[in-house]
Amino acid sequence: SGTHSCINCHTLLGEGAYYAPEIGNVWVRWGGDKDPAQAREMLKSWMAAQPSGVEGRRQMPQFHLSDQEVNDLADFLEWTSRIKNQSWPPNSAG
């Protein structure tokens, strides 16, 4: 999103920063292609639980997204999962 500049840390289809995982395939990684409602709940929970506080792990900030913003983010991630990406990234971990 422009507000929080995801690509300052993440890549999207290989473009952006390499600090955090690729987000172009996160929807599929989280099973959104098979169970979209579950993927949305997972995204909401994930965003609410940040930063994780796991020692030695890169931390995602807490953005305090509203339910509407999380839904909008889910819509975006679902949309990006359908882009013909020529098998990018080369592995599912992003």
PDB file of N, CA and C in Angstrom:
ATOM      1  N   SER A   1       0.841  -1.179   0.000  1.00  0.00           N
ATOM      2  CA  SER A   1       0.000   0.000   0.000  1.00  0.00           C
ATOM      3  C   SER A   1       0.884   1.239   0.000  1.00  0.00           C
ATOM      4  N   GLY A   2       0.387   2.306  -0.550  1.00  0.00           N
ATOM      5  CA  GLY A   2       1.133   3.554  -0.578  1.00  0.00           C
ATOM      6  C   GLY A   2       1.320   4.143   0.804  1.00  0.00           C
ATOM      7  N   THR A   3       0.341   3.926   1.689  1.00  0.00           N
ATOM      8  CA  THR A   3       0.405   4.487   3.041  1.00  0.00           C
ATOM      9  C   THR A   3       1.564   3.901   3.830  1.00  0.00           C
ATOM     10  N   HIS A   4       1.736   2.593   3.747  1.00  0.00           N
ATOM     11  CA  HIS A   4       2.763   1.937   4.549  1.00  0.00           C
ATOM     12  C   HIS A   4       3.939   1.437   3.725  1.00  0.00           C
ATOM     13  N   SER A   5       3.915   1.641   2.419  1.00  0.00           N
ATOM     14  CA  SER A   5       5.034   1.323   1.536  1.00  0.00           C
ATOM     15  C   SER A   5       5.589  -0.082   1.751  1.00  0.00           C
ATOM     16  N   CYS A   6       4.773  -1.075   1.468  1.00  0.00           N
ATOM     17  CA  CYS A   6       5.170  -2.477   1.645  1.00  0.00           C
ATOM     18  C   CYS A   6       6.511  -2.786   0.975  1.00  0.00           C
ATOM     19  N   ILE A   7       6.723  -2.181  -0.216  1.00  0.00           N
ATOM     20  CA  ILE A   7       7.946  -2.514  -0.964  1.00  0.00           C
ATOM     21  C   ILE A   7       9.209  -1.887  -0.378  1.00  0.00           C
ATOM     22  N   ASN A   8       9.070  -1.115   0.694  1.00  0.00           N
ATOM     23  CA  ASN A   8      10.277  -0.657   1.381  1.00  0.00           C
ATOM     24  C   ASN A   8      10.971  -1.823   2.083  1.00  0.00           C
ATOM     25  N   CYS A   9      10.212  -2.889   2.368  1.00  0.00           N
ATOM     26  CA  CYS A   9      10.779  -4.089   3.003  1.00  0.00           C
ATOM     27  C   CYS A   9      10.591  -5.338   2.147  1.00  0.00           C
ATOM     28  N   HIS A  10       9.437  -5.455   1.495  1.00  0.00           N
ATOM     29  CA  HIS A  10       9.082  -6.647   0.720  1.00  0.00           C
ATOM     30  C   HIS A  10       9.336  -6.438  -0.767  1.00  0.00           C
ATOM     31  N   THR A  11       9.432  -7.558  -1.490  1.00  0.00           N
ATOM     32  CA  THR A  11       9.378  -7.502  -2.940  1.00  0.00           C
ATOM     33  C   THR A  11       7.974  -7.878  -3.377  1.00  0.00           C
ATOM     34  N   LEU A  12       7.583  -7.351  -4.518  1.00  0.00           N
ATOM     35  CA  LEU A  12       6.336  -7.701  -5.174  1.00  0.00           C
ATOM     36  C   LEU A  12       6.701  -8.022  -6.608  1.00  0.00           C
ATOM     37  N   LEU A  13       6.597  -9.297  -6.959  1.00  0.00           N
ATOM     38  CA  LEU A  13       7.028  -9.786  -8.275  1.00  0.00           C
ATOM     39  C   LEU A  13       8.507  -9.470  -8.511  1.00  0.00           C
ATOM     40  N   GLY A  14       9.284  -9.522  -7.443  1.00  0.00           N
ATOM     41  CA  GLY A  14      10.728  -9.321  -7.530  1.00  0.00           C
ATOM     42  C   GLY A  14      11.175  -7.881  -7.437  1.00  0.00           C
ATOM     43  N   GLU A  15      10.252  -6.938  -7.437  1.00  0.00           N
ATOM     44  CA  GLU A  15      10.599  -5.514  -7.338  1.00  0.00           C
ATOM     45  C   GLU A  15      10.428  -5.057  -5.899  1.00  0.00           C
ATOM     46  N   GLY A  16      11.349  -4.234  -5.430  1.00  0.00           N
ATOM     47  CA  GLY A  16      11.263  -3.708  -4.072  1.00  0.00           C
ATOM     48  C   GLY A  16      12.491  -4.096  -3.270  1.00  0.00           C
ATOM     49  N   ALA A  17      12.335  -4.091  -1.960  1.00  0.00           N
ATOM     50  CA  ALA A  17      13.453  -4.381  -1.060  1.00  0.00           C
ATOM     51  C   ALA A  17      13.492  -5.865  -0.728  1.00  0.00           C
ATOM     52  N   TYR A  18      14.658  -6.354  -0.400  1.00  0.00           N
ATOM     53  CA  TYR A  18      14.856  -7.775  -0.108  1.00  0.00           C
ATOM     54  C   TYR A  18      15.019  -8.042   1.384  1.00  0.00           C
ATOM     55  N   TYR A  19      14.437  -7.193   2.207  1.00  0.00           N
ATOM     56  CA  TYR A  19      14.525  -7.363   3.653  1.00  0.00           C
ATOM     57  C   TYR A  19      13.530  -8.419   4.147  1.00  0.00           C
ATOM     58  N   ALA A  20      12.361  -8.437   3.527  1.00  0.00           N
ATOM     59  CA  ALA A  20      11.280  -9.332   3.951  1.00  0.00           C
ATOM     60  C   ALA A  20      10.795 -10.144   2.741  1.00  0.00           C
ATOM     61  N   PRO A  21      10.031 -11.204   2.976  1.00  0.00           N
ATOM     62  CA  PRO A  21       9.644 -12.103   1.879  1.00  0.00           C
ATOM     63  C   PRO A  21       8.830 -11.452   0.759  1.00  0.00           C
ATOM     64  N   GLU A  22       8.897 -12.064  -0.390  1.00  0.00           N
ATOM     65  CA  GLU A  22       8.061 -11.725  -1.551  1.00  0.00           C
ATOM     66  C   GLU A  22       6.590 -11.823  -1.141  1.00  0.00           C
ATOM     67  N   ILE A  23       5.807 -10.816  -1.532  1.00  0.00           N
ATOM     68  CA  ILE A  23       4.387 -10.852  -1.174  1.00  0.00           C
ATOM     69  C   ILE A  23       3.471 -11.188  -2.354  1.00  0.00           C
ATOM     70  N   GLY A  24       4.025 -11.319  -3.550  1.00  0.00           N
ATOM     71  CA  GLY A  24       3.198 -11.636  -4.705  1.00  0.00           C
ATOM     72  C   GLY A  24       2.574 -13.015  -4.636  1.00  0.00           C
ATOM     73  N   ASN A  25       3.145 -13.910  -3.835  1.00  0.00           N
ATOM     74  CA  ASN A  25       2.601 -15.264  -3.733  1.00  0.00           C
ATOM     75  C   ASN A  25       2.124 -15.604  -2.317  1.00  0.00           C
ATOM     76  N   VAL A  26       2.056 -14.616  -1.443  1.00  0.00           N
ATOM     77  CA  VAL A  26       1.665 -14.903  -0.060  1.00  0.00           C
ATOM     78  C   VAL A  26       0.236 -15.434   0.009  1.00  0.00           C
ATOM     79  N   TRP A  27      -0.634 -14.967  -0.860  1.00  0.00           N
ATOM     80  CA  TRP A  27      -2.018 -15.425  -0.855  1.00  0.00           C
ATOM     81  C   TRP A  27      -2.091 -16.934  -1.077  1.00  0.00           C
ATOM     82  N   VAL A  28      -1.302 -17.423  -2.035  1.00  0.00           N
ATOM     83  CA  VAL A  28      -1.271 -18.859  -2.323  1.00  0.00           C
ATOM     84  C   VAL A  28      -0.540 -19.608  -1.207  1.00  0.00           C
ATOM     85  N   ARG A  29       0.572 -19.028  -0.697  1.00  0.00           N
ATOM     86  CA  ARG A  29       1.294 -19.671   0.401  1.00  0.00           C
ATOM     87  C   ARG A  29       0.387 -19.899   1.599  1.00  0.00           C
ATOM     88  N   TRP A  30      -0.529 -18.969   1.840  1.00  0.00           N
ATOM     89  CA  TRP A  30      -1.432 -19.066   2.982  1.00  0.00           C
ATOM     90  C   TRP A  30      -2.734 -19.781   2.621  1.00  0.00           C
ATOM     91  N   GLY A  31      -2.801 -20.393   1.442  1.00  0.00           N
ATOM     92  CA  GLY A  31      -3.947 -21.209   1.067  1.00  0.00           C
ATOM     93  C   GLY A  31      -5.153 -20.451   0.560  1.00  0.00           C
ATOM     94  N   GLY A  32      -4.984 -19.179   0.215  1.00  0.00           N
ATOM     95  CA  GLY A  32      -6.107 -18.371  -0.254  1.00  0.00           C
ATOM     96  C   GLY A  32      -6.725 -18.854  -1.548  1.00  0.00           C
ATOM     97  N   ASP A  33      -5.955 -19.585  -2.358  1.00  0.00           N
ATOM     98  CA  ASP A  33      -6.499 -20.128  -3.600  1.00  0.00           C
ATOM     99  C   ASP A  33      -7.477 -21.261  -3.316  1.00  0.00           C
ATOM    100  N   LYS A  34      -7.348 -21.889  -2.148  1.00  0.00           N
ATOM    101  CA  LYS A  34      -8.226 -23.009  -1.779  1.00  0.00           C
ATOM    102  C   LYS A  34      -9.290 -22.596  -0.752  1.00  0.00           C
ATOM    103  N   ASP A  35      -8.935 -21.721   0.181  1.00  0.00           N
ATOM    104  CA  ASP A  35      -9.856 -21.293   1.235  1.00  0.00           C
ATOM    105  C   ASP A  35      -9.653 -19.799   1.518  1.00  0.00           C
ATOM    106  N   PRO A  36     -10.261 -18.945   0.672  1.00  0.00           N
ATOM    107  CA  PRO A  36     -10.052 -17.500   0.814  1.00  0.00           C
ATOM    108  C   PRO A  36     -10.447 -16.939   2.179  1.00  0.00           C
ATOM    109  N   ALA A  37     -11.522 -17.439   2.758  1.00  0.00           N
ATOM    110  CA  ALA A  37     -11.963 -16.920   4.063  1.00  0.00           C
ATOM    111  C   ALA A  37     -10.918 -17.209   5.138  1.00  0.00           C
ATOM    112  N   GLN A  38     -10.351 -18.402   5.115  1.00  0.00           N
ATOM    113  CA  GLN A  38      -9.313 -18.767   6.086  1.00  0.00           C
ATOM    114  C   GLN A  38      -8.063 -17.910   5.889  1.00  0.00           C
ATOM    115  N   ALA A  39      -7.691 -17.656   4.632  1.00  0.00           N
ATOM    116  CA  ALA A  39      -6.513 -16.822   4.358  1.00  0.00           C
ATOM    117  C   ALA A  39      -6.728 -15.402   4.871  1.00  0.00           C
ATOM    118  N   ARG A  40      -7.941 -14.888   4.727  1.00  0.00           N
ATOM    119  CA  ARG A  40      -8.250 -13.543   5.238  1.00  0.00           C
ATOM    120  C   ARG A  40      -8.121 -13.509   6.758  1.00  0.00           C
ATOM    121  N   GLU A  41      -8.617 -14.532   7.433  1.00  0.00           N
ATOM    122  CA  GLU A  41      -8.503 -14.599   8.892  1.00  0.00           C
ATOM    123  C   GLU A  41      -7.035 -14.700   9.312  1.00  0.00           C
ATOM    124  N   MET A  42      -6.272 -15.487   8.548  1.00  0.00           N
ATOM    125  CA  MET A  42      -4.854 -15.642   8.841  1.00  0.00           C
ATOM    126  C   MET A  42      -4.125 -14.309   8.696  1.00  0.00           C
ATOM    127  N   LEU A  43      -4.438 -13.569   7.624  1.00  0.00           N
ATOM    128  CA  LEU A  43      -3.823 -12.262   7.404  1.00  0.00           C
ATOM    129  C   LEU A  43      -4.179 -11.310   8.543  1.00  0.00           C
ATOM    130  N   LYS A  44      -5.442 -11.290   8.924  1.00  0.00           N
ATOM    131  CA  LYS A  44      -5.886 -10.403  10.009  1.00  0.00           C
ATOM    132  C   LYS A  44      -5.140 -10.733  11.304  1.00  0.00           C
ATOM    133  N   SER A  45      -5.042 -12.028  11.618  1.00  0.00           N
ATOM    134  CA  SER A  45      -4.338 -12.456  12.833  1.00  0.00           C
ATOM    135  C   SER A  45      -2.854 -12.121  12.764  1.00  0.00           C
ATOM    136  N   TRP A  46      -2.250 -12.379  11.603  1.00  0.00           N
ATOM    137  CA  TRP A  46      -0.821 -12.108  11.410  1.00  0.00           C
ATOM    138  C   TRP A  46      -0.523 -10.635  11.625  1.00  0.00           C
ATOM    139  N   MET A  47      -1.305  -9.765  10.979  1.00  0.00           N
ATOM    140  CA  MET A  47      -1.068  -8.326  11.087  1.00  0.00           C
ATOM    141  C   MET A  47      -1.264  -7.851  12.532  1.00  0.00           C
ATOM    142  N   ALA A  48      -2.251  -8.416  13.229  1.00  0.00           N
ATOM    143  CA  ALA A  48      -2.522  -8.016  14.614  1.00  0.00           C
ATOM    144  C   ALA A  48      -1.414  -8.461  15.565  1.00  0.00           C
ATOM    145  N   ALA A  49      -0.710  -9.547  15.212  1.00  0.00           N
ATOM    146  CA  ALA A  49       0.313 -10.120  16.097  1.00  0.00           C
ATOM    147  C   ALA A  49       1.701  -9.521  15.889  1.00  0.00           C
ATOM    148  N   GLN A  50       1.836  -8.567  14.977  1.00  0.00           N
ATOM    149  CA  GLN A  50       3.156  -7.999  14.708  1.00  0.00           C
ATOM    150  C   GLN A  50       3.443  -6.833  15.647  1.00  0.00           C
ATOM    151  N   PRO A  51       4.699  -6.580  16.007  1.00  0.00           N
ATOM    152  CA  PRO A  51       5.853  -7.440  15.741  1.00  0.00           C
ATOM    153  C   PRO A  51       5.804  -8.702  16.606  1.00  0.00           C
ATOM    154  N   SER A  52       6.377  -9.762  16.078  1.00  0.00           N
ATOM    155  CA  SER A  52       6.279 -11.063  16.748  1.00  0.00           C
ATOM    156  C   SER A  52       7.146 -11.154  17.999  1.00  0.00           C
ATOM    157  N   GLY A  53       8.236 -10.393  18.038  1.00  0.00           N
ATOM    158  CA  GLY A  53       9.130 -10.434  19.192  1.00  0.00           C
ATOM    159  C   GLY A  53      10.026 -11.657  19.228  1.00  0.00           C
ATOM    160  N   VAL A  54      10.030 -12.449  18.146  1.00  0.00           N
ATOM    161  CA  VAL A  54      10.881 -13.634  18.100  1.00  0.00           C
ATOM    162  C   VAL A  54      12.336 -13.179  17.984  1.00  0.00           C
ATOM    163  N   GLU A  55      13.138 -13.573  18.948  1.00  0.00           N
ATOM    164  CA  GLU A  55      14.551 -13.179  18.998  1.00  0.00           C
ATOM    165  C   GLU A  55      15.285 -13.565  17.715  1.00  0.00           C
ATOM    166  N   GLY A  56      16.052 -12.634  17.176  1.00  0.00           N
ATOM    167  CA  GLY A  56      16.869 -12.902  16.001  1.00  0.00           C
ATOM    168  C   GLY A  56      16.105 -12.898  14.689  1.00  0.00           C
ATOM    169  N   ARG A  57      14.820 -12.599  14.725  1.00  0.00           N
ATOM    170  CA  ARG A  57      14.022 -12.584  13.507  1.00  0.00           C
ATOM    171  C   ARG A  57      13.688 -11.146  13.134  1.00  0.00           C
ATOM    172  N   ARG A  58      13.709 -10.879  11.840  1.00  0.00           N
ATOM    173  CA  ARG A  58      13.318  -9.544  11.391  1.00  0.00           C
ATOM    174  C   ARG A  58      11.880  -9.285  11.804  1.00  0.00           C
ATOM    175  N   GLN A  59      11.605  -8.069  12.218  1.00  0.00           N
ATOM    176  CA  GLN A  59      10.287  -7.749  12.769  1.00  0.00           C
ATOM    177  C   GLN A  59       9.488  -6.855  11.827  1.00  0.00           C
ATOM    178  N   MET A  60       8.221  -7.223  11.636  1.00  0.00           N
ATOM    179  CA  MET A  60       7.300  -6.383  10.885  1.00  0.00           C
ATOM    180  C   MET A  60       6.636  -5.435  11.866  1.00  0.00           C
ATOM    181  N   PRO A  61       6.541  -4.152  11.527  1.00  0.00           N
ATOM    182  CA  PRO A  61       5.904  -3.202  12.452  1.00  0.00           C
ATOM    183  C   PRO A  61       4.423  -3.498  12.645  1.00  0.00           C
ATOM    184  N   GLN A  62       3.872  -2.953  13.715  1.00  0.00           N
ATOM    185  CA  GLN A  62       2.430  -2.995  13.950  1.00  0.00           C
ATOM    186  C   GLN A  62       1.837  -1.768  13.272  1.00  0.00           C
ATOM    187  N   PHE A  63       1.010  -1.985  12.263  1.00  0.00           N
ATOM    188  CA  PHE A  63       0.434  -0.873  11.501  1.00  0.00           C
ATOM    189  C   PHE A  63      -0.943  -0.447  11.992  1.00  0.00           C
ATOM    190  N   HIS A  64      -1.523  -1.185  12.947  1.00  0.00           N
ATOM    191  CA  HIS A  64      -2.840  -0.846  13.489  1.00  0.00           C
ATOM    192  C   HIS A  64      -3.862  -0.666  12.370  1.00  0.00           C
ATOM    193  N   LEU A  65      -3.919  -1.649  11.466  1.00  0.00           N
ATOM    194  CA  LEU A  65      -4.856  -1.578  10.349  1.00  0.00           C
ATOM    195  C   LEU A  65      -6.284  -1.820  10.822  1.00  0.00           C
ATOM    196  N   SER A  66      -7.198  -1.073  10.238  1.00  0.00           N
ATOM    197  CA  SER A  66      -8.622  -1.298  10.513  1.00  0.00           C
ATOM    198  C   SER A  66      -9.059  -2.578   9.786  1.00  0.00           C
ATOM    199  N   ASP A  67     -10.232  -3.082  10.146  1.00  0.00           N
ATOM    200  CA  ASP A  67     -10.753  -4.266   9.460  1.00  0.00           C
ATOM    201  C   ASP A  67     -10.877  -3.997   7.958  1.00  0.00           C
ATOM    202  N   GLN A  68     -11.296  -2.787   7.596  1.00  0.00           N
ATOM    203  CA  GLN A  68     -11.425  -2.438   6.178  1.00  0.00           C
ATOM    204  C   GLN A  68     -10.060  -2.445   5.495  1.00  0.00           C
ATOM    205  N   GLU A  69      -9.037  -1.912   6.158  1.00  0.00           N
ATOM    206  CA  GLU A  69      -7.692  -1.918   5.577  1.00  0.00           C
ATOM    207  C   GLU A  69      -7.157  -3.340   5.410  1.00  0.00           C
ATOM    208  N   VAL A  70      -7.425  -4.222   6.367  1.00  0.00           N
ATOM    209  CA  VAL A  70      -7.002  -5.620   6.246  1.00  0.00           C
ATOM    210  C   VAL A  70      -7.739  -6.272   5.080  1.00  0.00           C
ATOM    211  N   ASN A  71      -9.033  -5.994   4.946  1.00  0.00           N
ATOM    212  CA  ASN A  71      -9.792  -6.521   3.813  1.00  0.00           C
ATOM    213  C   ASN A  71      -9.246  -6.011   2.490  1.00  0.00           C
ATOM    214  N   ASP A  72      -8.912  -4.725   2.439  1.00  0.00           N
ATOM    215  CA  ASP A  72      -8.339  -4.149   1.220  1.00  0.00           C
ATOM    216  C   ASP A  72      -6.997  -4.799   0.895  1.00  0.00           C
ATOM    217  N   LEU A  73      -6.179  -5.024   1.920  1.00  0.00           N
ATOM    218  CA  LEU A  73      -4.892  -5.681   1.727  1.00  0.00           C
ATOM    219  C   LEU A  73      -5.098  -7.103   1.212  1.00  0.00           C
ATOM    220  N   ALA A  74      -6.057  -7.815   1.791  1.00  0.00           N
ATOM    221  CA  ALA A  74      -6.362  -9.170   1.332  1.00  0.00           C
ATOM    222  C   ALA A  74      -6.813  -9.149  -0.129  1.00  0.00           C
ATOM    223  N   ASP A  75      -7.656  -8.187  -0.488  1.00  0.00           N
ATOM    224  CA  ASP A  75      -8.097  -8.064  -1.879  1.00  0.00           C
ATOM    225  C   ASP A  75      -6.888  -7.864  -2.802  1.00  0.00           C
ATOM    226  N   PHE A  76      -5.968  -7.007  -2.388  1.00  0.00           N
ATOM    227  CA  PHE A  76      -4.771  -6.741  -3.190  1.00  0.00           C
ATOM    228  C   PHE A  76      -3.912  -7.989  -3.331  1.00  0.00           C
ATOM    229  N   LEU A  77      -3.679  -8.681  -2.219  1.00  0.00           N
ATOM    230  CA  LEU A  77      -2.843  -9.883  -2.262  1.00  0.00           C
ATOM    231  C   LEU A  77      -3.499 -10.980  -3.091  1.00  0.00           C
ATOM    232  N   GLU A  78      -4.822 -11.081  -3.006  1.00  0.00           N
ATOM    233  CA  GLU A  78      -5.537 -12.059  -3.832  1.00  0.00           C
ATOM    234  C   GLU A  78      -5.385 -11.703  -5.310  1.00  0.00           C
ATOM    235  N   TRP A  79      -5.516 -10.425  -5.630  1.00  0.00           N
ATOM    236  CA  TRP A  79      -5.361  -9.962  -7.013  1.00  0.00           C
ATOM    237  C   TRP A  79      -3.949 -10.252  -7.522  1.00  0.00           C
ATOM    238  N   THR A  80      -2.941  -9.943  -6.719  1.00  0.00           N
ATOM    239  CA  THR A  80      -1.565 -10.165  -7.175  1.00  0.00           C
ATOM    240  C   THR A  80      -1.282 -11.639  -7.403  1.00  0.00           C
ATOM    241  N   SER A  81      -1.993 -12.510  -6.693  1.00  0.00           N
ATOM    242  CA  SER A  81      -1.743 -13.945  -6.840  1.00  0.00           C
ATOM    243  C   SER A  81      -2.180 -14.459  -8.212  1.00  0.00           C
ATOM    244  N   ARG A  82      -2.962 -13.664  -8.938  1.00  0.00           N
ATOM    245  CA  ARG A  82      -3.456 -14.091 -10.252  1.00  0.00           C
ATOM    246  C   ARG A  82      -2.648 -13.521 -11.426  1.00  0.00           C
ATOM    247  N   ILE A  83      -1.656 -12.700 -11.133  1.00  0.00           N
ATOM    248  CA  ILE A  83      -0.831 -12.124 -12.194  1.00  0.00           C
ATOM    249  C   ILE A  83       0.020 -13.219 -12.825  1.00  0.00           C
ATOM    250  N   LYS A  84       0.097 -13.249 -14.140  1.00  0.00           N
ATOM    251  CA  LYS A  84       0.967 -14.220 -14.819  1.00  0.00           C
ATOM    252  C   LYS A  84       2.403 -13.789 -14.571  1.00  0.00           C
ATOM    253  N   ASN A  85       3.083 -14.539 -13.714  1.00  0.00           N
ATOM    254  CA  ASN A  85       4.386 -14.100 -13.213  1.00  0.00           C
ATOM    255  C   ASN A  85       5.551 -14.943 -13.716  1.00  0.00           C
ATOM    256  N   GLN A  86       5.324 -15.768 -14.720  1.00  0.00           N
ATOM    257  CA  GLN A  86       6.395 -16.584 -15.296  1.00  0.00           C
ATOM    258  C   GLN A  86       7.138 -17.376 -14.223  1.00  0.00           C
ATOM    259  N   SER A  87       6.370 -17.952 -13.297  1.00  0.00           N
ATOM    260  CA  SER A  87       6.892 -18.811 -12.218  1.00  0.00           C
ATOM    261  C   SER A  87       7.774 -18.076 -11.214  1.00  0.00           C
ATOM    262  N   TRP A  88       7.525 -16.778 -11.020  1.00  0.00           N
ATOM    263  CA  TRP A  88       8.256 -16.019 -10.006  1.00  0.00           C
ATOM    264  C   TRP A  88       7.413 -15.979  -8.746  1.00  0.00           C
ATOM    265  N   PRO A  89       7.992 -16.087  -7.586  1.00  0.00           N
ATOM    266  CA  PRO A  89       9.386 -16.406  -7.305  1.00  0.00           C
ATOM    267  C   PRO A  89       9.670 -17.884  -7.567  1.00  0.00           C
ATOM    268  N   PRO A  90      10.956 -18.196  -7.672  1.00  0.00           N
ATOM    269  CA  PRO A  90      11.344 -19.568  -8.027  1.00  0.00           C
ATOM    270  C   PRO A  90      11.037 -20.609  -6.947  1.00  0.00           C
ATOM    271  N   ASN A  91      10.744 -20.175  -5.730  1.00  0.00           N
ATOM    272  CA  ASN A  91      10.316 -21.126  -4.695  1.00  0.00           C
ATOM    273  C   ASN A  91       9.151 -20.545  -3.931  1.00  0.00           C
ATOM    274  N   SER A  92       8.350 -21.399  -3.326  1.00  0.00           N
ATOM    275  CA  SER A  92       7.113 -20.941  -2.702  1.00  0.00           C
ATOM    276  C   SER A  92       7.336 -20.127  -1.450  1.00  0.00           C
ATOM    277  N   ALA A  93       8.510 -20.226  -0.832  1.00  0.00           N
ATOM    278  CA  ALA A  93       8.773 -19.472   0.394  1.00  0.00           C
ATOM    279  C   ALA A  93       8.881 -17.981   0.137  1.00  0.00           C
ATOM    280  N   GLY A  94       9.031 -17.598  -1.127  1.00  0.00           N
ATOM    281  CA  GLY A  94       9.119 -16.181  -1.445  1.00  0.00           C
ATOM    282  C   GLY A  94      10.461 -15.628  -1.080  1.00  0.00           C
TER     283      GLY A  94
END
